[in-house]
Amino acid sequence: MSRKCYEFTSESVSEGHPDKVSDRISDEIVDLFFRESIADGMSAWDVRVAAETLTTTNKVVIAGETRGTDKITPAMIEERARAAIKDIGYEQEGFHWKHADVQVLLHAQSVDIAQGVDSGTGLHTEEGAGDQGIMFGYACSDTPELMPAPVHYSHKILERLARARKEEGITQLGPDSKSQVTMRYDNGKPVEASAIVLSTQHLDASMESADVAALVKPYIHEVMPDGWITDNTVWHINPTGKFVIGGPDGDAGLTGRKIIVDTYGGMAPHGGGAFSGKDPTKVDRSAAYATRYLAKNIVAAGLADWVNIQVSYAIGVPAPTSIYVDVADDNSYSAEQIEAAIRKAMNLSPRGIREHLQLNKAIYAPSAAYGHFGRVATDEGHFSWERTDLIDELKAAIG
């Protein structure tokens, strides 16, 4: 952002939102193919998944292309879908983990696509990108996680309500919810939540908006930084009144329809490609993770207060077709200097990204809700792109 004083709004949706139910099922399939194929002795480099999911009233349709062990059956895929729906919390008449009709329509990956991705095939001997496209990564100093504050706290509100619902016995709340936070920025820094919007499904049909507000406001206060909720903060809790019918029973869900929620809440550009349901040969996913990783390390290294990075690829071609960096005009290091440092510090070929971030694993289902970025990297490999272990290399590369 070039302006210093402004308001900016971002939204999030919960794991029970119809689109996020679809994302979760698609990512469970990615994890299933990695887990079972590796266990069967297949190389993780050869796994391919592009799974799309449609959810509606007591119906789940899973389509797309895969390559993996023959031991994975439609019944196993159906089982993972039902387990995901159960974990999210759907046991309602219109959408129930046990009773929903699940159709599995997956088939083999196109050989024309495979020849551009597999090492030693196609026009390039090195593994190429799974598709053409542009990907963006962003980081800023708004929050300790180096994420834009509006989307970060929109996620945190819904995460906290999900924990209250699933672990703390707040059974009045349902799985489906949406949040929206408007932050006021002063001198380029977030200082106040000027508006907070929350619509959450409630299973007690007698509850009105005021009842829901009384239930959820303490959790919202808990996750927001001290002093950011003020007497001037405008609240809209379940502004339409009742919200009993939710999830895929209330609205159809599709994989990949919440790409701005998944990234930076509109504070930075998005290349257009979704993440969920795709193995990391698809640069829509892996290169977006790589650019976030680079951006976060650049800000963590003190090389910029904020940075936006774009990379682009051609299908079947290993090297990026371009790398572009944007920083503040008065930044201590120029965009050209940071671009040069990026090229030295990390191999941005699809194979280089997968090796560096260790993406050939069953690590994707937890990323399906509450954002792919600003999360905590785990020892098991989840959210490896959130590590800040490239600081020394970037500092050395920039001179």
Protein backbone atom coordinates (compact mmCIF):
# COMPACT_ATOMS: atom_id res chain seq x y z
CA MET A 1 0.00 0.00 0.00
CA SER A 2 1.37 3.42 -0.97
CA ARG A 3 -1.10 5.36 1.19
CA LYS A 4 -0.26 5.89 4.84
CA CYS A 5 -3.72 6.52 6.32
CA TYR A 6 -6.68 4.43 5.17
CA GLU A 7 -9.13 1.66 6.03
CA PHE A 8 -8.82 -1.82 4.55
CA THR A 9 -11.16 -4.80 4.83
CA SER A 10 -10.56 -8.53 4.43
CA GLU A 11 -12.75 -11.56 5.05
CA SER A 12 -12.37 -15.18 6.06
CA VAL A 13 -14.65 -18.21 6.01
CA SER A 14 -14.66 -21.15 8.39
CA GLU A 15 -13.87 -24.79 7.74
CA GLY A 16 -17.62 -25.42 7.58
CA HIS A 17 -18.22 -22.95 4.75
CA PRO A 18 -19.36 -24.97 1.69
CA ASP A 19 -16.34 -23.97 -0.39
CA LYS A 20 -13.99 -24.86 2.44
CA VAL A 21 -15.65 -28.26 2.92
CA SER A 22 -14.84 -28.85 -0.75
CA ASP A 23 -11.25 -27.61 -0.30
CA ARG A 24 -10.76 -29.90 2.69
CA ILE A 25 -11.98 -32.99 0.85
CA SER A 26 -9.77 -32.18 -2.15
CA ASP A 27 -6.71 -31.76 0.07
CA GLU A 28 -7.49 -34.97 1.93
CA ILE A 29 -7.25 -36.71 -1.45
CA VAL A 30 -3.84 -35.13 -2.13
CA ASP A 31 -2.64 -36.36 1.26
CA LEU A 32 -4.13 -39.82 0.67
CA PHE A 33 -2.25 -40.23 -2.61
CA PHE A 34 1.06 -39.14 -1.08
CA ARG A 35 0.64 -41.27 2.04
CA GLU A 36 -0.50 -44.48 0.37
CA SER A 37 1.74 -44.23 -2.69
CA ILE A 38 4.87 -43.70 -0.60
CA ALA A 39 3.86 -46.56 1.70
CA ASP A 40 3.51 -48.78 -1.38
CA GLY A 41 7.04 -47.98 -2.50
CA MET A 42 6.22 -45.43 -5.20
CA SER A 43 8.42 -42.35 -5.48
CA ALA A 44 6.75 -39.23 -4.10
CA TRP A 45 8.09 -37.38 -7.16
CA ASP A 46 5.71 -39.41 -9.34
CA VAL A 47 2.48 -38.66 -7.43
CA ARG A 48 -0.02 -36.47 -9.29
CA VAL A 49 -3.34 -35.14 -8.01
CA ALA A 50 -5.74 -32.52 -9.34
CA ALA A 51 -8.94 -33.14 -7.38
CA GLU A 52 -12.05 -30.94 -7.54
CA THR A 53 -14.98 -31.34 -5.17
CA LEU A 54 -18.59 -30.19 -5.38
CA THR A 55 -20.72 -30.25 -2.24
CA THR A 56 -24.44 -29.59 -1.96
CA THR A 57 -27.39 -30.95 0.01
CA ASN A 58 -26.28 -34.44 1.14
CA LYS A 59 -24.17 -34.80 -1.99
CA VAL A 60 -20.42 -34.85 -2.64
CA VAL A 61 -18.98 -35.19 -6.15
CA ILE A 62 -15.22 -35.66 -6.50
CA ALA A 63 -13.68 -35.34 -9.98
CA GLY A 64 -10.25 -34.80 -11.47
CA GLU A 65 -7.01 -36.51 -12.45
CA THR A 66 -4.57 -38.57 -10.39
CA ARG A 67 -1.52 -40.80 -10.54
CA GLY A 68 -0.51 -43.00 -7.64
CA THR A 69 -0.58 -46.48 -6.24
CA ASP A 70 -3.26 -48.81 -7.57
CA LYS A 71 -4.09 -49.70 -3.98
CA ILE A 72 -6.11 -46.51 -3.58
CA THR A 73 -9.73 -47.37 -4.24
CA PRO A 74 -12.87 -45.24 -4.60
CA ALA A 75 -13.98 -46.65 -1.25
CA MET A 76 -10.84 -45.28 0.41
CA ILE A 77 -11.42 -41.87 -1.15
CA GLU A 78 -15.04 -41.90 0.01
CA GLU A 79 -13.90 -42.82 3.51
CA ARG A 80 -11.53 -39.81 3.63
CA ALA A 81 -14.31 -37.51 2.44
CA ARG A 82 -16.70 -38.73 5.14
CA ALA A 83 -14.02 -38.45 7.83
CA ALA A 84 -13.32 -34.85 6.80
CA ILE A 85 -17.01 -33.92 6.93
CA LYS A 86 -17.31 -35.54 10.36
CA ASP A 87 -14.25 -33.70 11.67
CA ILE A 88 -15.66 -30.39 10.45
CA GLY A 89 -18.82 -31.17 12.40
CA TYR A 90 -21.63 -31.84 9.95
CA GLU A 91 -24.26 -34.16 11.38
CA GLN A 92 -27.29 -32.27 10.13
CA GLU A 93 -30.30 -33.48 8.21
CA GLY A 94 -29.32 -31.64 5.04
CA PHE A 95 -25.61 -32.55 5.19
CA HIS A 96 -24.40 -35.49 7.26
CA TRP A 97 -21.04 -37.22 7.13
CA LYS A 98 -22.68 -40.62 7.36
CA HIS A 99 -25.64 -40.21 5.02
CA ALA A 100 -24.37 -37.96 2.21
CA ASP A 101 -24.09 -39.57 -1.23
CA VAL A 102 -20.40 -39.49 -2.24
CA GLN A 103 -19.50 -39.98 -5.91
CA VAL A 104 -15.86 -40.51 -6.94
CA LEU A 105 -15.13 -39.64 -10.58
CA LEU A 106 -11.34 -39.43 -10.57
CA HIS A 107 -9.34 -40.71 -13.55
CA ALA A 108 -5.73 -40.91 -14.75
CA GLN A 109 -3.74 -37.77 -15.48
CA SER A 110 -3.45 -36.75 -19.13
CA VAL A 111 -0.27 -38.10 -20.74
CA ASP A 112 0.09 -34.79 -22.60
CA ILE A 113 0.36 -32.94 -19.29
CA ALA A 114 2.54 -35.62 -17.72
CA GLN A 115 5.18 -35.37 -20.46
CA GLY A 116 5.81 -31.73 -19.58
CA VAL A 117 6.15 -32.41 -15.87
CA ASP A 118 8.02 -35.70 -15.62
CA SER A 119 11.81 -35.57 -15.68
CA GLY A 120 13.32 -36.86 -18.93
CA THR A 121 10.17 -36.51 -21.03
CA GLY A 122 8.75 -33.80 -23.26
CA LEU A 123 10.94 -31.04 -24.73
CA HIS A 124 12.92 -30.46 -21.53
CA THR A 125 14.92 -33.13 -19.68
CA GLU A 126 14.38 -31.43 -16.29
CA GLU A 127 11.02 -31.54 -14.56
CA GLY A 128 8.87 -28.66 -15.77
CA ALA A 129 5.98 -26.65 -14.39
CA GLY A 130 2.60 -28.37 -14.33
CA ASP A 131 0.98 -25.41 -16.05
CA GLN A 132 1.59 -21.85 -17.16
CA GLY A 133 0.62 -19.10 -14.78
CA ILE A 134 1.58 -16.26 -12.47
CA MET A 135 1.94 -16.53 -8.69
CA PHE A 136 2.36 -13.89 -6.00
CA GLY A 137 3.90 -13.86 -2.54
CA TYR A 138 3.59 -11.11 0.05
CA ALA A 139 4.70 -10.28 3.56
CA CYS A 140 4.49 -7.18 5.73
CA SER A 141 5.17 -6.10 9.29
CA ASP A 142 1.52 -5.70 10.36
CA THR A 143 1.59 -8.76 12.60
CA PRO A 144 4.20 -11.04 14.23
CA GLU A 145 3.36 -13.59 11.54
CA LEU A 146 4.24 -10.96 8.89
CA MET A 147 0.72 -11.06 7.46
CA PRO A 148 -1.73 -8.26 6.64
CA ALA A 149 -3.75 -7.59 9.79
CA PRO A 150 -7.29 -7.61 8.28
CA VAL A 151 -7.13 -11.13 6.85
CA HIS A 152 -4.98 -12.50 9.67
CA TYR A 153 -7.46 -11.54 12.39
CA SER A 154 -10.44 -12.51 10.27
CA HIS A 155 -8.93 -16.01 10.28
CA LYS A 156 -8.14 -15.91 14.00
CA ILE A 157 -11.72 -15.04 14.92
CA LEU A 158 -13.08 -18.07 13.09
CA GLU A 159 -10.34 -20.38 14.35
CA ARG A 160 -11.21 -19.38 17.91
CA LEU A 161 -14.93 -19.99 17.40
CA ALA A 162 -14.19 -23.40 15.85
CA ARG A 163 -12.12 -24.34 18.89
CA ALA A 164 -14.91 -23.22 21.20
CA ARG A 165 -17.39 -25.30 19.21
CA LYS A 166 -15.30 -28.45 18.84
CA GLU A 167 -13.29 -28.53 22.08
CA GLU A 168 -15.06 -26.36 24.66
CA GLY A 169 -18.68 -27.46 24.42
CA ILE A 170 -20.20 -24.38 22.76
CA THR A 171 -22.76 -26.54 21.00
CA GLN A 172 -25.03 -23.65 20.02
CA LEU A 173 -22.70 -22.78 17.15
CA GLY A 174 -22.66 -24.59 13.82
CA PRO A 175 -19.69 -25.22 11.51
CA ASP A 176 -20.51 -22.57 8.88
CA SER A 177 -19.36 -19.00 9.50
CA LYS A 178 -17.84 -15.93 7.86
CA SER A 179 -15.91 -13.02 9.34
CA GLN A 180 -14.76 -9.65 8.07
CA VAL A 181 -12.41 -7.17 9.72
CA THR A 182 -11.90 -3.55 8.67
CA MET A 183 -8.63 -2.12 9.95
CA ARG A 184 -7.78 1.55 10.21
CA TYR A 185 -4.18 2.29 9.31
CA ASP A 186 -2.32 5.33 10.57
CA ASN A 187 1.11 6.12 9.14
CA GLY A 188 1.07 2.74 7.42
CA LYS A 189 0.43 0.74 10.60
CA PRO A 190 -2.81 -0.96 11.78
CA VAL A 191 -4.13 0.83 14.87
CA GLU A 192 -7.84 0.04 15.21
CA ALA A 193 -10.55 -2.36 14.07
CA SER A 194 -13.09 0.10 12.75
CA ALA A 195 -15.61 -2.64 11.88
CA ILE A 196 -16.06 -6.33 12.68
CA VAL A 197 -18.60 -8.46 10.83
CA LEU A 198 -19.47 -12.04 11.78
CA SER A 199 -22.15 -14.35 10.45
CA THR A 200 -22.19 -17.71 12.17
CA GLN A 201 -24.49 -20.67 11.90
CA HIS A 202 -26.32 -21.45 15.14
CA LEU A 203 -28.02 -24.75 15.84
CA ASP A 204 -30.41 -23.32 18.43
CA ALA A 205 -33.18 -21.93 16.25
CA SER A 206 -34.50 -19.74 19.07
CA MET A 207 -31.37 -17.57 19.07
CA GLU A 208 -31.54 -14.05 17.68
CA SER A 209 -28.67 -11.83 16.54
CA ALA A 210 -28.29 -10.33 20.01
CA ASP A 211 -28.00 -13.79 21.56
CA VAL A 212 -25.30 -14.81 19.07
CA ALA A 213 -23.45 -11.53 19.66
CA ALA A 214 -23.41 -12.09 23.42
CA LEU A 215 -22.00 -15.58 22.86
CA VAL A 216 -19.25 -14.76 20.37
CA LYS A 217 -18.00 -11.30 21.33
CA PRO A 218 -15.81 -12.52 24.23
CA TYR A 219 -13.96 -14.84 21.83
CA ILE A 220 -13.42 -12.01 19.35
CA HIS A 221 -12.05 -9.75 22.09
CA GLU A 222 -9.73 -12.58 23.10
CA VAL A 223 -8.00 -12.87 19.72
CA MET A 224 -7.79 -9.20 18.76
CA PRO A 225 -4.71 -7.26 19.94
CA ASP A 226 -5.16 -5.04 22.98
CA GLY A 227 -6.50 -1.62 22.07
CA TRP A 228 -7.63 -2.52 18.56
CA ILE A 229 -11.29 -2.88 19.54
CA THR A 230 -12.45 0.55 20.69
CA ASP A 231 -15.66 2.40 21.43
CA ASN A 232 -15.66 3.40 17.76
CA THR A 233 -15.64 -0.20 16.48
CA VAL A 234 -18.81 -0.97 14.54
CA TRP A 235 -20.19 -4.48 15.06
CA HIS A 236 -22.43 -6.53 12.74
CA ILE A 237 -23.15 -9.98 14.21
CA ASN A 238 -25.53 -12.15 12.15
CA PRO A 239 -26.90 -9.00 10.52
CA THR A 240 -29.62 -10.88 8.61
CA GLY A 241 -31.08 -12.38 11.80
CA LYS A 242 -31.21 -16.17 11.96
CA PHE A 243 -28.59 -18.44 10.40
CA VAL A 244 -29.70 -22.02 11.10
CA ILE A 245 -29.44 -23.66 7.67
CA GLY A 246 -25.76 -23.63 6.75
CA GLY A 247 -22.97 -25.43 4.95
CA PRO A 248 -23.55 -27.27 1.67
CA ASP A 249 -27.24 -27.61 2.54
CA GLY A 250 -27.59 -23.83 2.39
CA ASP A 251 -25.26 -23.13 -0.52
CA ALA A 252 -23.28 -25.33 -2.92
CA GLY A 253 -19.52 -25.49 -2.39
CA LEU A 254 -16.68 -25.82 -4.90
CA THR A 255 -12.95 -26.35 -4.55
CA GLY A 256 -10.84 -23.26 -5.19
CA ARG A 257 -13.49 -20.58 -4.89
CA LYS A 258 -11.95 -18.74 -1.90
CA ILE A 259 -8.53 -17.86 -3.28
CA ILE A 260 -8.38 -14.38 -1.72
CA VAL A 261 -9.31 -15.81 1.68
CA ASP A 262 -6.54 -18.38 1.17
CA THR A 263 -3.87 -15.73 0.57
CA TYR A 264 -3.67 -12.08 1.65
CA GLY A 265 -7.25 -10.88 1.81
CA GLY A 266 -6.82 -8.63 -1.21
CA MET A 267 -3.89 -6.70 0.26
CA ALA A 268 -1.68 -8.23 -2.46
CA PRO A 269 -2.45 -9.57 -5.96
CA HIS A 270 -3.40 -13.18 -6.62
CA GLY A 271 -2.33 -15.04 -9.72
CA GLY A 272 -5.71 -16.65 -10.25
CA GLY A 273 -4.96 -20.29 -9.56
CA ALA A 274 -6.35 -22.10 -6.53
CA PHE A 275 -4.25 -24.23 -4.17
CA SER A 276 -6.38 -26.99 -2.68
CA GLY A 277 -6.62 -30.35 -4.42
CA LYS A 278 -3.34 -29.91 -6.28
CA ASP A 279 -0.06 -31.75 -5.83
CA PRO A 280 3.04 -29.50 -5.78
CA THR A 281 3.96 -30.05 -9.44
CA LYS A 282 1.19 -27.51 -9.96
CA VAL A 283 3.02 -24.20 -9.58
CA ASP A 284 -0.30 -22.53 -8.73
CA ARG A 285 0.34 -24.06 -5.34
CA SER A 286 4.07 -24.67 -4.94
CA ALA A 287 5.30 -21.40 -6.45
CA ALA A 288 2.77 -19.41 -4.42
CA TYR A 289 4.20 -21.12 -1.34
CA ALA A 290 7.74 -20.33 -2.51
CA THR A 291 7.02 -16.65 -3.08
CA ARG A 292 5.39 -16.36 0.35
CA TYR A 293 8.44 -18.07 1.85
CA LEU A 294 10.77 -15.64 0.12
CA ALA A 295 8.65 -12.61 1.01
CA LYS A 296 8.44 -13.61 4.66
CA ASN A 297 12.17 -14.17 4.90
CA ILE A 298 12.89 -10.84 3.21
CA VAL A 299 10.78 -8.96 5.75
CA ALA A 300 12.08 -11.05 8.65
CA ALA A 301 15.62 -10.25 7.52
CA GLY A 302 14.89 -6.52 7.69
CA LEU A 303 15.41 -6.05 3.96
CA ALA A 304 11.95 -4.49 3.54
CA ASP A 305 8.96 -3.44 5.63
CA TRP A 306 6.74 -5.06 3.01
CA VAL A 307 7.43 -6.88 -0.24
CA ASN A 308 5.36 -8.29 -3.08
CA ILE A 309 6.90 -10.93 -5.36
CA GLN A 310 5.60 -12.27 -8.67
CA VAL A 311 6.92 -15.29 -10.55
CA SER A 312 5.65 -16.77 -13.80
CA TYR A 313 6.00 -20.14 -15.52
CA ALA A 314 5.32 -21.92 -18.82
CA ILE A 315 4.01 -25.47 -18.81
CA GLY A 316 6.79 -28.03 -19.10
CA VAL A 317 9.55 -25.41 -18.65
CA PRO A 318 11.71 -25.66 -15.49
CA ALA A 319 12.91 -22.07 -15.02
CA PRO A 320 10.54 -19.20 -14.19
CA THR A 321 9.86 -16.96 -17.18
CA SER A 322 10.09 -13.90 -14.89
CA ILE A 323 10.67 -12.73 -11.34
CA TYR A 324 9.32 -9.34 -10.26
CA VAL A 325 9.65 -7.57 -6.90
CA ASP A 326 7.80 -4.53 -5.57
CA VAL A 327 8.82 -2.65 -2.42
CA ALA A 328 8.24 0.84 -1.05
CA ASP A 329 9.86 3.65 -3.01
CA ASP A 330 11.93 4.64 0.02
CA ASN A 331 13.01 1.08 0.89
CA SER A 332 16.67 0.69 1.91
CA TYR A 333 17.21 -1.92 -0.81
CA SER A 334 15.87 -1.53 -4.32
CA ALA A 335 13.50 -3.97 -5.96
CA GLU A 336 16.29 -4.86 -8.41
CA GLN A 337 18.67 -5.71 -5.56
CA ILE A 338 16.08 -7.96 -3.92
CA GLU A 339 15.28 -9.66 -7.22
CA ALA A 340 18.97 -10.46 -7.70
CA ALA A 341 19.20 -11.82 -4.14
CA ILE A 342 16.18 -14.07 -4.70
CA ARG A 343 17.78 -15.61 -7.78
CA LYS A 344 20.92 -16.42 -5.78
CA ALA A 345 19.21 -17.65 -2.60
CA MET A 346 16.66 -20.16 -3.94
CA ASN A 347 16.15 -22.45 -6.91
CA LEU A 348 12.68 -21.58 -8.18
CA SER A 349 12.30 -24.46 -10.60
CA PRO A 350 9.35 -26.70 -9.68
CA ARG A 351 11.73 -29.42 -8.51
CA GLY A 352 13.87 -26.92 -6.61
CA ILE A 353 10.82 -25.60 -4.77
CA ARG A 354 9.59 -29.08 -3.87
CA GLU A 355 13.02 -30.03 -2.55
CA HIS A 356 13.62 -26.82 -0.61
CA LEU A 357 10.20 -26.73 1.06
CA GLN A 358 9.86 -30.53 1.28
CA LEU A 359 6.45 -30.53 -0.35
CA ASN A 360 6.28 -34.21 -1.40
CA LYS A 361 4.40 -35.20 1.74
CA ALA A 362 0.90 -35.67 3.10
CA ILE A 363 0.81 -32.17 4.63
CA TYR A 364 -2.02 -30.36 2.89
CA ALA A 365 -5.36 -30.94 4.64
CA PRO A 366 -4.64 -28.50 7.53
CA SER A 367 -4.11 -25.70 5.01
CA ALA A 368 -7.61 -26.01 3.57
CA ALA A 369 -9.15 -23.54 6.06
CA TYR A 370 -8.04 -20.39 7.89
CA GLY A 371 -5.48 -19.41 5.27
CA HIS A 372 -2.43 -21.02 3.74
CA PHE A 373 -0.17 -18.28 5.10
CA GLY A 374 0.59 -16.86 8.53
CA ARG A 375 0.39 -20.34 10.02
CA VAL A 376 2.88 -22.22 12.22
CA ALA A 377 5.42 -24.52 10.55
CA THR A 378 5.46 -27.95 12.22
CA ASP A 379 8.09 -30.63 12.66
CA GLU A 380 5.94 -32.91 10.48
CA GLY A 381 6.34 -30.53 7.52
CA HIS A 382 3.06 -28.64 7.58
CA PHE A 383 3.40 -25.00 6.48
CA SER A 384 7.13 -25.35 5.73
CA TRP A 385 6.83 -22.18 3.64
CA GLU A 386 6.30 -20.23 6.89
CA ARG A 387 9.82 -20.96 8.14
CA THR A 388 12.28 -18.07 8.36
CA ASP A 389 15.42 -20.07 7.68
CA LEU A 390 16.55 -18.24 4.53
CA ILE A 391 17.49 -14.98 6.26
CA ASP A 392 21.25 -15.53 6.23
CA GLU A 393 21.28 -16.56 2.56
CA LEU A 394 19.29 -13.50 1.51
CA LYS A 395 21.47 -11.13 3.52
CA ALA A 396 24.59 -12.63 2.00
CA ALA A 397 23.12 -12.50 -1.50
CA ILE A 398 22.11 -8.85 -1.25
CA GLY A 399 25.58 -7.81 -0.04
